[in-house]
Amino acid sequence: MGQIAIKAYTEAVTRWAQLTDERSRDRGEGPVSNAVVIAVAAAGAVLLGTIITAAVNTWGAKIPK
């Protein structure tokens, strides 16, 4: 059991070193542009939810009691 844990730890540390190595880092877009895209998508989802809620409340108010 201990050998499996040691091997898993070693593999995880090795992979982490590969992922964070500056020499092999790709030169893609930075995290800021991704954050902006996510923020715009979240704002759109909130706006859509608000519109749907308003439409449902308006529709529900028209139902006679």
Protein backbone atom coordinates (compact mmCIF):
# COMPACT_ATOMS: atom_id res chain seq x y z
CA MET A 1 0.00 0.00 0.00
CA GLY A 2 2.85 2.36 0.86
CA GLN A 3 4.56 1.77 -2.50
CA ILE A 4 1.37 2.71 -4.35
CA ALA A 5 1.09 5.96 -2.37
CA ILE A 6 4.75 6.79 -2.99
CA LYS A 7 4.39 6.09 -6.72
CA ALA A 8 1.21 8.20 -6.94
CA TYR A 9 2.89 11.06 -5.09
CA THR A 10 5.96 10.86 -7.32
CA GLU A 11 3.84 10.87 -10.48
CA ALA A 12 1.80 13.84 -9.22
CA VAL A 13 4.91 15.85 -8.34
CA THR A 14 6.52 15.05 -11.69
CA ARG A 15 3.38 16.04 -13.61
CA TRP A 16 3.05 19.26 -11.61
CA ALA A 17 6.66 20.13 -12.45
CA GLN A 18 5.98 19.51 -16.14
CA LEU A 19 2.87 21.68 -16.11
CA THR A 20 4.53 24.58 -14.34
CA ASP A 21 7.86 24.51 -16.21
CA GLU A 22 8.41 27.91 -17.81
CA ARG A 23 10.45 26.46 -20.68
CA SER A 24 7.60 24.28 -21.93
CA ARG A 25 4.80 26.76 -21.29
CA ASP A 26 2.76 27.57 -24.36
CA ARG A 27 2.44 31.17 -25.39
CA GLY A 28 -1.33 31.19 -25.67
CA GLU A 29 -3.73 33.76 -24.33
CA GLY A 30 -3.44 34.76 -20.73
CA PRO A 31 -5.94 34.15 -17.97
CA VAL A 32 -7.39 37.67 -18.20
CA SER A 33 -9.10 37.11 -21.54
CA ASN A 34 -10.53 33.82 -20.28
CA ALA A 35 -11.83 35.54 -17.15
CA VAL A 36 -13.50 38.21 -19.28
CA VAL A 37 -15.24 35.58 -21.42
CA ILE A 38 -16.46 33.75 -18.32
CA ALA A 39 -17.68 37.00 -16.73
CA VAL A 40 -19.61 37.95 -19.88
CA ALA A 41 -21.17 34.48 -20.07
CA ALA A 42 -22.18 34.67 -16.40
CA ALA A 43 -23.68 38.14 -16.86
CA GLY A 44 -25.63 36.87 -19.87
CA ALA A 45 -26.94 33.94 -17.84
CA VAL A 46 -28.08 36.26 -15.05
CA LEU A 47 -29.76 38.56 -17.56
CA LEU A 48 -31.53 35.65 -19.23
CA GLY A 49 -32.68 34.33 -15.85
CA THR A 50 -34.02 37.77 -14.92
CA ILE A 51 -35.93 38.06 -18.19
CA ILE A 52 -37.44 34.58 -17.79
CA THR A 53 -38.42 35.27 -14.17
CA ALA A 54 -40.09 38.54 -15.14
CA ALA A 55 -41.99 36.86 -17.98
CA VAL A 56 -43.17 34.03 -15.72
CA ASN A 57 -44.26 36.44 -12.99
CA THR A 58 -46.18 38.55 -15.51
CA TRP A 59 -47.82 35.45 -16.95
CA GLY A 60 -48.65 34.17 -13.48
CA ALA A 61 -50.24 37.48 -12.49
CA LYS A 62 -52.70 37.17 -15.39
CA ILE A 63 -54.10 33.87 -14.13
CA PRO A 64 -57.45 34.50 -12.40
CA LYS A 65 -57.79 33.46 -8.78
